[in-house]
PDB file of all heavy atoms in Angstrom:
ATOM      1  N   CYS A   1       0.842 -25.437  32.816  1.00  0.00           N
ATOM      2  CA  CYS A   1       0.096 -24.506  31.963  1.00  0.00           C
ATOM      3  C   CYS A   1      -0.749 -23.613  32.860  1.00  0.00           C
ATOM      4  O   CYS A   1      -1.504 -24.098  33.722  1.00  0.00           O
ATOM      5  CB  CYS A   1      -0.800 -25.264  30.977  1.00  0.00           C
ATOM      6  SG  CYS A   1      -1.771 -24.157  29.916  1.00  0.00           S
ATOM      7  N   HIS A   2      -0.641 -22.314  32.666  1.00  0.00           N
ATOM      8  CA  HIS A   2      -1.360 -21.351  33.509  1.00  0.00           C
ATOM      9  C   HIS A   2      -2.453 -20.600  32.748  1.00  0.00           C
ATOM     10  O   HIS A   2      -2.898 -19.540  33.170  1.00  0.00           O
ATOM     11  CB  HIS A   2      -0.364 -20.352  34.111  1.00  0.00           C
ATOM     12  CG  HIS A   2       0.622 -20.993  35.036  1.00  0.00           C
ATOM     13  ND1 HIS A   2       0.304 -21.379  36.322  1.00  0.00           N
ATOM     14  CD2 HIS A   2       1.922 -21.352  34.840  1.00  0.00           C
ATOM     15  CE1 HIS A   2       1.363 -21.918  36.896  1.00  0.00           C
ATOM     16  NE2 HIS A   2       2.358 -21.922  36.020  1.00  0.00           N
ATOM     17  N   GLY A   3      -2.882 -21.154  31.612  1.00  0.00           N
ATOM     18  CA  GLY A   3      -3.994 -20.564  30.876  1.00  0.00           C
ATOM     19  C   GLY A   3      -3.575 -19.407  29.986  1.00  0.00           C
ATOM     20  O   GLY A   3      -2.387 -19.147  29.770  1.00  0.00           O
ATOM     21  N   LEU A   4      -4.563 -18.712  29.477  1.00  0.00           N
ATOM     22  CA  LEU A   4      -4.320 -17.672  28.483  1.00  0.00           C
ATOM     23  C   LEU A   4      -3.712 -16.420  29.083  1.00  0.00           C
ATOM     24  O   LEU A   4      -4.135 -15.951  30.141  1.00  0.00           O
ATOM     25  CB  LEU A   4      -5.634 -17.295  27.795  1.00  0.00           C
ATOM     26  CG  LEU A   4      -6.179 -18.281  26.771  1.00  0.00           C
ATOM     27  CD1 LEU A   4      -7.486 -17.773  26.216  1.00  0.00           C
ATOM     28  CD2 LEU A   4      -5.180 -18.514  25.648  1.00  0.00           C
ATOM     29  N   HIS A   5      -2.725 -15.881  28.379  1.00  0.00           N
ATOM     30  CA  HIS A   5      -2.110 -14.607  28.733  1.00  0.00           C
ATOM     31  C   HIS A   5      -1.791 -13.858  27.446  1.00  0.00           C
ATOM     32  O   HIS A   5      -1.752 -14.440  26.359  1.00  0.00           O
ATOM     33  CB  HIS A   5      -0.842 -14.831  29.572  1.00  0.00           C
ATOM     34  CG  HIS A   5      -1.126 -15.348  30.949  1.00  0.00           C
ATOM     35  ND1 HIS A   5      -1.549 -16.642  31.165  1.00  0.00           N
ATOM     36  CD2 HIS A   5      -1.082 -14.750  32.166  1.00  0.00           C
ATOM     37  CE1 HIS A   5      -1.747 -16.823  32.469  1.00  0.00           C
ATOM     38  NE2 HIS A   5      -1.465 -15.697  33.093  1.00  0.00           N
ATOM     39  N   ALA A   6      -1.570 -12.576  27.578  1.00  0.00           N
ATOM     40  CA  ALA A   6      -1.335 -11.717  26.412  1.00  0.00           C
ATOM     41  C   ALA A   6       0.154 -11.465  26.225  1.00  0.00           C
ATOM     42  O   ALA A   6       0.867 -11.125  27.176  1.00  0.00           O
ATOM     43  CB  ALA A   6      -2.086 -10.399  26.578  1.00  0.00           C
ATOM     44  N   PHE A   7       0.605 -11.605  24.977  1.00  0.00           N
ATOM     45  CA  PHE A   7       2.018 -11.411  24.634  1.00  0.00           C
ATOM     46  C   PHE A   7       2.116 -10.451  23.448  1.00  0.00           C
ATOM     47  O   PHE A   7       1.320 -10.541  22.506  1.00  0.00           O
ATOM     48  CB  PHE A   7       2.675 -12.740  24.262  1.00  0.00           C
ATOM     49  CG  PHE A   7       2.628 -13.765  25.357  1.00  0.00           C
ATOM     50  CD1 PHE A   7       1.507 -14.582  25.528  1.00  0.00           C
ATOM     51  CD2 PHE A   7       3.690 -13.913  26.231  1.00  0.00           C
ATOM     52  CE1 PHE A   7       1.448 -15.520  26.545  1.00  0.00           C
ATOM     53  CE2 PHE A   7       3.645 -14.851  27.257  1.00  0.00           C
ATOM     54  CZ  PHE A   7       2.524 -15.657  27.417  1.00  0.00           C
ATOM     55  N   LEU A   8       3.081  -9.547  23.512  1.00  0.00           N
ATOM     56  CA  LEU A   8       3.336  -8.650  22.390  1.00  0.00           C
ATOM     57  C   LEU A   8       4.340  -9.332  21.467  1.00  0.00           C
ATOM     58  O   LEU A   8       5.480  -9.593  21.854  1.00  0.00           O
ATOM     59  CB  LEU A   8       3.889  -7.313  22.882  1.00  0.00           C
ATOM     60  CG  LEU A   8       4.129  -6.268  21.792  1.00  0.00           C
ATOM     61  CD1 LEU A   8       2.816  -5.865  21.136  1.00  0.00           C
ATOM     62  CD2 LEU A   8       4.836  -5.049  22.357  1.00  0.00           C
ATOM     63  N   VAL A   9       3.910  -9.621  20.241  1.00  0.00           N
ATOM     64  CA  VAL A   9       4.730 -10.396  19.315  1.00  0.00           C
ATOM     65  C   VAL A   9       5.027  -9.582  18.053  1.00  0.00           C
ATOM     66  O   VAL A   9       4.100  -9.222  17.317  1.00  0.00           O
ATOM     67  CB  VAL A   9       4.017 -11.707  18.914  1.00  0.00           C
ATOM     68  CG1 VAL A   9       4.906 -12.533  17.988  1.00  0.00           C
ATOM     69  CG2 VAL A   9       3.651 -12.514  20.160  1.00  0.00           C
ATOM     70  N   PRO A  10       6.309  -9.260  17.791  1.00  0.00           N
ATOM     71  CA  PRO A  10       6.660  -8.636  16.502  1.00  0.00           C
ATOM     72  C   PRO A  10       6.423  -9.645  15.378  1.00  0.00           C
ATOM     73  O   PRO A  10       6.844 -10.807  15.484  1.00  0.00           O
ATOM     74  CB  PRO A  10       8.148  -8.325  16.646  1.00  0.00           C
ATOM     75  CG  PRO A  10       8.423  -8.371  18.127  1.00  0.00           C
ATOM     76  CD  PRO A  10       7.474  -9.394  18.679  1.00  0.00           C
ATOM     77  N   ILE A  11       5.751  -9.225  14.312  1.00  0.00           N
ATOM     78  CA  ILE A  11       5.463 -10.167  13.231  1.00  0.00           C
ATOM     79  C   ILE A  11       6.063  -9.732  11.895  1.00  0.00           C
ATOM     80  O   ILE A  11       6.205 -10.553  10.984  1.00  0.00           O
ATOM     81  CB  ILE A  11       3.943 -10.390  13.063  1.00  0.00           C
ATOM     82  CG1 ILE A  11       3.215  -9.070  12.788  1.00  0.00           C
ATOM     83  CG2 ILE A  11       3.373 -11.090  14.282  1.00  0.00           C
ATOM     84  CD1 ILE A  11       1.734  -9.248  12.500  1.00  0.00           C
ATOM     85  N   ARG A  12       6.419  -8.443  11.779  1.00  0.00           N
ATOM     86  CA  ARG A  12       7.031  -7.959  10.542  1.00  0.00           C
ATOM     87  C   ARG A  12       8.233  -7.087  10.878  1.00  0.00           C
ATOM     88  O   ARG A  12       8.264  -6.434  11.926  1.00  0.00           O
ATOM     89  CB  ARG A  12       6.022  -7.155   9.704  1.00  0.00           C
ATOM     90  CG  ARG A  12       4.912  -8.004   9.088  1.00  0.00           C
ATOM     91  CD  ARG A  12       3.955  -7.153   8.258  1.00  0.00           C
ATOM     92  NE  ARG A  12       2.906  -7.954   7.660  1.00  0.00           N
ATOM     93  CZ  ARG A  12       2.989  -8.572   6.481  1.00  0.00           C
ATOM     94  NH1 ARG A  12       4.111  -8.455   5.774  1.00  0.00           N
ATOM     95  NH2 ARG A  12       1.991  -9.287   6.021  1.00  0.00           N
ATOM     96  N   ASP A  13       9.203  -7.096   9.995  1.00  0.00           N
ATOM     97  CA  ASP A  13      10.404  -6.283  10.165  1.00  0.00           C
ATOM     98  C   ASP A  13      10.022  -4.805  10.149  1.00  0.00           C
ATOM     99  O   ASP A  13       9.291  -4.348   9.266  1.00  0.00           O
ATOM    100  CB  ASP A  13      11.386  -6.586   9.031  1.00  0.00           C
ATOM    101  CG  ASP A  13      12.759  -5.982   9.283  1.00  0.00           C
ATOM    102  OD1 ASP A  13      12.862  -4.742   9.330  1.00  0.00           O
ATOM    103  OD2 ASP A  13      13.728  -6.760   9.395  1.00  0.00           O
ATOM    104  N   MET A  14      10.504  -4.046  11.130  1.00  0.00           N
ATOM    105  CA  MET A  14      10.144  -2.628  11.256  1.00  0.00           C
ATOM    106  C   MET A  14      10.724  -1.792  10.114  1.00  0.00           C
ATOM    107  O   MET A  14      10.241  -0.702   9.826  1.00  0.00           O
ATOM    108  CB  MET A  14      10.640  -2.085  12.594  1.00  0.00           C
ATOM    109  CG  MET A  14      10.032  -2.776  13.802  1.00  0.00           C
ATOM    110  SD  MET A  14       8.408  -2.177  14.230  1.00  0.00           S
ATOM    111  CE  MET A  14       8.844  -0.693  15.151  1.00  0.00           C
ATOM    112  N   SER A  15      11.755  -2.293   9.434  1.00  0.00           N
ATOM    113  CA  SER A  15      12.407  -1.493   8.389  1.00  0.00           C
ATOM    114  C   SER A  15      11.821  -1.736   7.007  1.00  0.00           C
ATOM    115  O   SER A  15      11.734  -0.822   6.188  1.00  0.00           O
ATOM    116  CB  SER A  15      13.912  -1.776   8.370  1.00  0.00           C
ATOM    117  OG  SER A  15      14.151  -3.143   8.059  1.00  0.00           O
ATOM    118  N   ASN A  16      11.410  -2.980   6.731  1.00  0.00           N
ATOM    119  CA  ASN A  16      10.929  -3.276   5.370  1.00  0.00           C
ATOM    120  C   ASN A  16       9.566  -3.962   5.339  1.00  0.00           C
ATOM    121  O   ASN A  16       9.058  -4.298   4.271  1.00  0.00           O
ATOM    122  CB  ASN A  16      11.953  -4.119   4.616  1.00  0.00           C
ATOM    123  CG  ASN A  16      12.246  -5.439   5.329  1.00  0.00           C
ATOM    124  OD1 ASN A  16      11.447  -5.936   6.118  1.00  0.00           O
ATOM    125  ND2 ASN A  16      13.418  -6.006   5.048  1.00  0.00           N
ATOM    126  N   HIS A  17       8.983  -4.221   6.495  1.00  0.00           N
ATOM    127  CA  HIS A  17       7.626  -4.781   6.626  1.00  0.00           C
ATOM    128  C   HIS A  17       7.541  -6.240   6.179  1.00  0.00           C
ATOM    129  O   HIS A  17       6.458  -6.791   6.043  1.00  0.00           O
ATOM    130  CB  HIS A  17       6.610  -3.924   5.853  1.00  0.00           C
ATOM    131  CG  HIS A  17       5.228  -3.952   6.454  1.00  0.00           C
ATOM    132  ND1 HIS A  17       4.943  -3.548   7.745  1.00  0.00           N
ATOM    133  CD2 HIS A  17       4.032  -4.327   5.918  1.00  0.00           C
ATOM    134  CE1 HIS A  17       3.647  -3.666   7.979  1.00  0.00           C
ATOM    135  NE2 HIS A  17       3.070  -4.147   6.905  1.00  0.00           N
ATOM    136  N   GLN A  18       8.685  -6.889   5.958  1.00  0.00           N
ATOM    137  CA  GLN A  18       8.670  -8.307   5.605  1.00  0.00           C
ATOM    138  C   GLN A  18       8.381  -9.155   6.847  1.00  0.00           C
ATOM    139  O   GLN A  18       8.800  -8.816   7.959  1.00  0.00           O
ATOM    140  CB  GLN A  18      10.021  -8.718   5.018  1.00  0.00           C
ATOM    141  CG  GLN A  18      10.315  -8.142   3.645  1.00  0.00           C
ATOM    142  CD  GLN A  18       9.417  -8.728   2.568  1.00  0.00           C
ATOM    143  OE1 GLN A  18       9.027  -9.887   2.632  1.00  0.00           O
ATOM    144  NE2 GLN A  18       9.098  -7.908   1.581  1.00  0.00           N
ATOM    145  N   PRO A  19       7.661 -10.297   6.693  1.00  0.00           N
ATOM    146  CA  PRO A  19       7.421 -11.173   7.845  1.00  0.00           C
ATOM    147  C   PRO A  19       8.733 -11.633   8.471  1.00  0.00           C
ATOM    148  O   PRO A  19       9.706 -11.922   7.764  1.00  0.00           O
ATOM    149  CB  PRO A  19       6.649 -12.349   7.243  1.00  0.00           C
ATOM    150  CG  PRO A  19       5.998 -11.783   6.019  1.00  0.00           C
ATOM    151  CD  PRO A  19       6.975 -10.767   5.486  1.00  0.00           C
ATOM    152  N   LEU A  20       8.765 -11.699   9.793  1.00  0.00           N
ATOM    153  CA  LEU A  20       9.963 -12.124  10.518  1.00  0.00           C
ATOM    154  C   LEU A  20      10.112 -13.642  10.461  1.00  0.00           C
ATOM    155  O   LEU A  20       9.146 -14.361  10.160  1.00  0.00           O
ATOM    156  CB  LEU A  20       9.873 -11.644  11.971  1.00  0.00           C
ATOM    157  CG  LEU A  20       9.941 -10.122  12.156  1.00  0.00           C
ATOM    158  CD1 LEU A  20       9.570  -9.743  13.583  1.00  0.00           C
ATOM    159  CD2 LEU A  20      11.336  -9.602  11.817  1.00  0.00           C
ATOM    160  N   PRO A  21      11.300 -14.157  10.747  1.00  0.00           N
ATOM    161  CA  PRO A  21      11.509 -15.609  10.737  1.00  0.00           C
ATOM    162  C   PRO A  21      10.519 -16.320  11.659  1.00  0.00           C
ATOM    163  O   PRO A  21      10.266 -15.877  12.791  1.00  0.00           O
ATOM    164  CB  PRO A  21      12.945 -15.763  11.251  1.00  0.00           C
ATOM    165  CG  PRO A  21      13.614 -14.466  10.876  1.00  0.00           C
ATOM    166  CD  PRO A  21      12.554 -13.420  11.025  1.00  0.00           C
ATOM    167  N   GLY A  22       9.963 -17.413  11.173  1.00  0.00           N
ATOM    168  CA  GLY A  22       9.010 -18.189  11.962  1.00  0.00           C
ATOM    169  C   GLY A  22       7.589 -17.668  11.906  1.00  0.00           C
ATOM    170  O   GLY A  22       6.682 -18.288  12.469  1.00  0.00           O
ATOM    171  N   VAL A  23       7.379 -16.540  11.234  1.00  0.00           N
ATOM    172  CA  VAL A  23       6.046 -15.931  11.153  1.00  0.00           C
ATOM    173  C   VAL A  23       5.467 -16.163   9.757  1.00  0.00           C
ATOM    174  O   VAL A  23       6.051 -15.754   8.757  1.00  0.00           O
ATOM    175  CB  VAL A  23       6.093 -14.424  11.452  1.00  0.00           C
ATOM    176  CG1 VAL A  23       4.731 -13.787  11.210  1.00  0.00           C
ATOM    177  CG2 VAL A  23       6.555 -14.175  12.883  1.00  0.00           C
ATOM    178  N   VAL A  24       4.332 -16.841   9.702  1.00  0.00           N
ATOM    179  CA  VAL A  24       3.594 -17.018   8.447  1.00  0.00           C
ATOM    180  C   VAL A  24       2.317 -16.195   8.584  1.00  0.00           C
ATOM    181  O   VAL A  24       1.471 -16.495   9.432  1.00  0.00           O
ATOM    182  CB  VAL A  24       3.266 -18.498   8.184  1.00  0.00           C
ATOM    183  CG1 VAL A  24       2.522 -18.656   6.865  1.00  0.00           C
ATOM    184  CG2 VAL A  24       4.533 -19.340   8.203  1.00  0.00           C
ATOM    185  N   VAL A  25       2.169 -15.163   7.775  1.00  0.00           N
ATOM    186  CA  VAL A  25       1.075 -14.219   7.951  1.00  0.00           C
ATOM    187  C   VAL A  25       0.507 -13.816   6.596  1.00  0.00           C
ATOM    188  O   VAL A  25       1.236 -13.755   5.596  1.00  0.00           O
ATOM    189  CB  VAL A  25       1.550 -12.969   8.742  1.00  0.00           C
ATOM    190  CG1 VAL A  25       2.628 -12.205   7.986  1.00  0.00           C
ATOM    191  CG2 VAL A  25       0.394 -12.046   9.108  1.00  0.00           C
ATOM    192  N   GLY A  26      -0.795 -13.563   6.540  1.00  0.00           N
ATOM    193  CA  GLY A  26      -1.412 -13.139   5.281  1.00  0.00           C
ATOM    194  C   GLY A  26      -2.886 -12.822   5.461  1.00  0.00           C
ATOM    195  O   GLY A  26      -3.429 -12.868   6.570  1.00  0.00           O
ATOM    196  N   ASP A  27      -3.537 -12.501   4.358  1.00  0.00           N
ATOM    197  CA  ASP A  27      -4.947 -12.117   4.325  1.00  0.00           C
ATOM    198  C   ASP A  27      -5.817 -13.355   4.123  1.00  0.00           C
ATOM    199  O   ASP A  27      -5.456 -14.253   3.362  1.00  0.00           O
ATOM    200  CB  ASP A  27      -5.166 -11.127   3.167  1.00  0.00           C
ATOM    201  CG  ASP A  27      -6.605 -10.693   3.029  1.00  0.00           C
ATOM    202  OD1 ASP A  27      -7.034  -9.821   3.787  1.00  0.00           O
ATOM    203  OD2 ASP A  27      -7.304 -11.238   2.148  1.00  0.00           O
ATOM    204  N   ILE A  28      -6.979 -13.425   4.790  1.00  0.00           N
ATOM    205  CA  ILE A  28      -7.820 -14.627   4.711  1.00  0.00           C
ATOM    206  C   ILE A  28      -8.757 -14.622   3.509  1.00  0.00           C
ATOM    207  O   ILE A  28      -9.450 -15.607   3.264  1.00  0.00           O
ATOM    208  CB  ILE A  28      -8.648 -14.834   6.000  1.00  0.00           C
ATOM    209  CG1 ILE A  28      -9.684 -13.720   6.180  1.00  0.00           C
ATOM    210  CG2 ILE A  28      -7.755 -14.991   7.208  1.00  0.00           C
ATOM    211  CD1 ILE A  28     -10.682 -14.002   7.287  1.00  0.00           C
ATOM    212  N   GLY A  29      -8.802 -13.521   2.740  1.00  0.00           N
ATOM    213  CA  GLY A  29      -9.624 -13.507   1.534  1.00  0.00           C
ATOM    214  C   GLY A  29     -10.940 -12.769   1.723  1.00  0.00           C
ATOM    215  O   GLY A  29     -11.257 -12.274   2.809  1.00  0.00           O
ATOM    216  N   PRO A  30     -11.754 -12.689   0.641  1.00  0.00           N
ATOM    217  CA  PRO A  30     -13.017 -11.940   0.692  1.00  0.00           C
ATOM    218  C   PRO A  30     -13.995 -12.518   1.718  1.00  0.00           C
ATOM    219  O   PRO A  30     -13.991 -13.720   1.992  1.00  0.00           O
ATOM    220  CB  PRO A  30     -13.574 -12.081  -0.729  1.00  0.00           C
ATOM    221  CG  PRO A  30     -12.394 -12.420  -1.577  1.00  0.00           C
ATOM    222  CD  PRO A  30     -11.486 -13.227  -0.690  1.00  0.00           C
ATOM    223  N   LYS A  31     -14.834 -11.638   2.240  1.00  0.00           N
ATOM    224  CA  LYS A  31     -15.787 -11.994   3.283  1.00  0.00           C
ATOM    225  C   LYS A  31     -17.175 -11.487   2.898  1.00  0.00           C
ATOM    226  O   LYS A  31     -17.366 -10.930   1.817  1.00  0.00           O
ATOM    227  CB  LYS A  31     -15.330 -11.383   4.617  1.00  0.00           C
ATOM    228  CG  LYS A  31     -13.882 -11.712   4.974  1.00  0.00           C
ATOM    229  CD  LYS A  31     -13.334 -10.806   6.054  1.00  0.00           C
ATOM    230  CE  LYS A  31     -13.118  -9.379   5.595  1.00  0.00           C
ATOM    231  NZ  LYS A  31     -11.945  -9.210   4.702  1.00  0.00           N
ATOM    232  N   PHE A  32     -18.131 -11.628   3.772  1.00  0.00           N
ATOM    233  CA  PHE A  32     -19.496 -11.134   3.552  1.00  0.00           C
ATOM    234  C   PHE A  32     -19.501  -9.615   3.406  1.00  0.00           C
ATOM    235  O   PHE A  32     -20.293  -9.038   2.676  1.00  0.00           O
ATOM    236  CB  PHE A  32     -20.366 -11.563   4.742  1.00  0.00           C
ATOM    237  CG  PHE A  32     -21.825 -11.244   4.595  1.00  0.00           C
ATOM    238  CD1 PHE A  32     -22.517 -11.566   3.435  1.00  0.00           C
ATOM    239  CD2 PHE A  32     -22.522 -10.647   5.633  1.00  0.00           C
ATOM    240  CE1 PHE A  32     -23.872 -11.285   3.315  1.00  0.00           C
ATOM    241  CE2 PHE A  32     -23.873 -10.363   5.521  1.00  0.00           C
ATOM    242  CZ  PHE A  32     -24.554 -10.685   4.362  1.00  0.00           C
ATOM    243  N   GLY A  33     -18.603  -8.962   4.104  1.00  0.00           N
ATOM    244  CA  GLY A  33     -18.433  -7.517   4.043  1.00  0.00           C
ATOM    245  C   GLY A  33     -16.987  -7.187   4.396  1.00  0.00           C
ATOM    246  O   GLY A  33     -16.076  -7.970   4.146  1.00  0.00           O
ATOM    247  N   PHE A  34     -16.749  -5.998   4.971  1.00  0.00           N
ATOM    248  CA  PHE A  34     -15.403  -5.612   5.432  1.00  0.00           C
ATOM    249  C   PHE A  34     -14.371  -5.729   4.303  1.00  0.00           C
ATOM    250  O   PHE A  34     -13.247  -6.177   4.518  1.00  0.00           O
ATOM    251  CB  PHE A  34     -14.968  -6.484   6.613  1.00  0.00           C
ATOM    252  CG  PHE A  34     -15.560  -6.064   7.935  1.00  0.00           C
ATOM    253  CD1 PHE A  34     -16.926  -6.069   8.135  1.00  0.00           C
ATOM    254  CD2 PHE A  34     -14.755  -5.647   8.978  1.00  0.00           C
ATOM    255  CE1 PHE A  34     -17.478  -5.679   9.350  1.00  0.00           C
ATOM    256  CE2 PHE A  34     -15.292  -5.256  10.193  1.00  0.00           C
ATOM    257  CZ  PHE A  34     -16.660  -5.269  10.383  1.00  0.00           C
ATOM    258  N   ASP A  35     -14.742  -5.324   3.102  1.00  0.00           N
ATOM    259  CA  ASP A  35     -13.823  -5.458   1.972  1.00  0.00           C
ATOM    260  C   ASP A  35     -12.561  -4.617   2.134  1.00  0.00           C
ATOM    261  O   ASP A  35     -11.531  -4.905   1.510  1.00  0.00           O
ATOM    262  CB  ASP A  35     -14.532  -5.053   0.672  1.00  0.00           C
ATOM    263  CG  ASP A  35     -15.565  -6.078   0.238  1.00  0.00           C
ATOM    264  OD1 ASP A  35     -15.388  -7.256   0.578  1.00  0.00           O
ATOM    265  OD2 ASP A  35     -16.547  -5.703  -0.426  1.00  0.00           O
ATOM    266  N   GLU A  36     -12.634  -3.566   2.943  1.00  0.00           N
ATOM    267  CA  GLU A  36     -11.487  -2.677   3.103  1.00  0.00           C
ATOM    268  C   GLU A  36     -10.487  -3.170   4.147  1.00  0.00           C
ATOM    269  O   GLU A  36      -9.408  -2.587   4.296  1.00  0.00           O
ATOM    270  CB  GLU A  36     -11.958  -1.273   3.519  1.00  0.00           C
ATOM    271  CG  GLU A  36     -12.869  -0.600   2.508  1.00  0.00           C
ATOM    272  CD  GLU A  36     -14.270  -1.182   2.500  1.00  0.00           C
ATOM    273  OE1 GLU A  36     -14.741  -1.670   3.542  1.00  0.00           O
ATOM    274  OE2 GLU A  36     -14.897  -1.169   1.431  1.00  0.00           O
ATOM    275  N   VAL A  37     -10.849  -4.206   4.882  1.00  0.00           N
ATOM    276  CA  VAL A  37     -10.027  -4.655   6.010  1.00  0.00           C
ATOM    277  C   VAL A  37      -9.307  -5.949   5.662  1.00  0.00           C
ATOM    278  O   VAL A  37      -9.904  -6.884   5.124  1.00  0.00           O
ATOM    279  CB  VAL A  37     -10.885  -4.857   7.277  1.00  0.00           C
ATOM    280  CG1 VAL A  37     -10.026  -5.341   8.443  1.00  0.00           C
ATOM    281  CG2 VAL A  37     -11.582  -3.551   7.642  1.00  0.00           C
ATOM    282  N   ASP A  38      -8.014  -5.988   6.002  1.00  0.00           N
ATOM    283  CA  ASP A  38      -7.191  -7.172   5.746  1.00  0.00           C
ATOM    284  C   ASP A  38      -7.254  -8.126   6.932  1.00  0.00           C
ATOM    285  O   ASP A  38      -6.257  -8.362   7.619  1.00  0.00           O
ATOM    286  CB  ASP A  38      -5.747  -6.771   5.444  1.00  0.00           C
ATOM    287  CG  ASP A  38      -5.146  -5.878   6.525  1.00  0.00           C
ATOM    288  OD1 ASP A  38      -5.888  -5.063   7.097  1.00  0.00           O
ATOM    289  OD2 ASP A  38      -3.935  -5.981   6.791  1.00  0.00           O
ATOM    290  N   ASN A  39      -8.425  -8.699   7.165  1.00  0.00           N
ATOM    291  CA  ASN A  39      -8.514  -9.737   8.191  1.00  0.00           C
ATOM    292  C   ASN A  39      -7.511 -10.831   7.842  1.00  0.00           C
ATOM    293  O   ASN A  39      -7.442 -11.267   6.690  1.00  0.00           O
ATOM    294  CB  ASN A  39      -9.925 -10.322   8.247  1.00  0.00           C
ATOM    295  CG  ASN A  39     -10.953  -9.292   8.672  1.00  0.00           C
ATOM    296  OD1 ASN A  39     -11.452  -8.531   7.844  1.00  0.00           O
ATOM    297  ND2 ASN A  39     -11.244  -9.241   9.951  1.00  0.00           N
TER     298      ASN A  39
END
């Protein structure tokens, strides 16, 4: 193990925006603020 490194990872299909195989992705829900942002 060589520690943290940065990787570019495709997470959604470029043609239809659907999550790619093996990718589980979504919004974490309402927060104290930042209502416009899909954290």
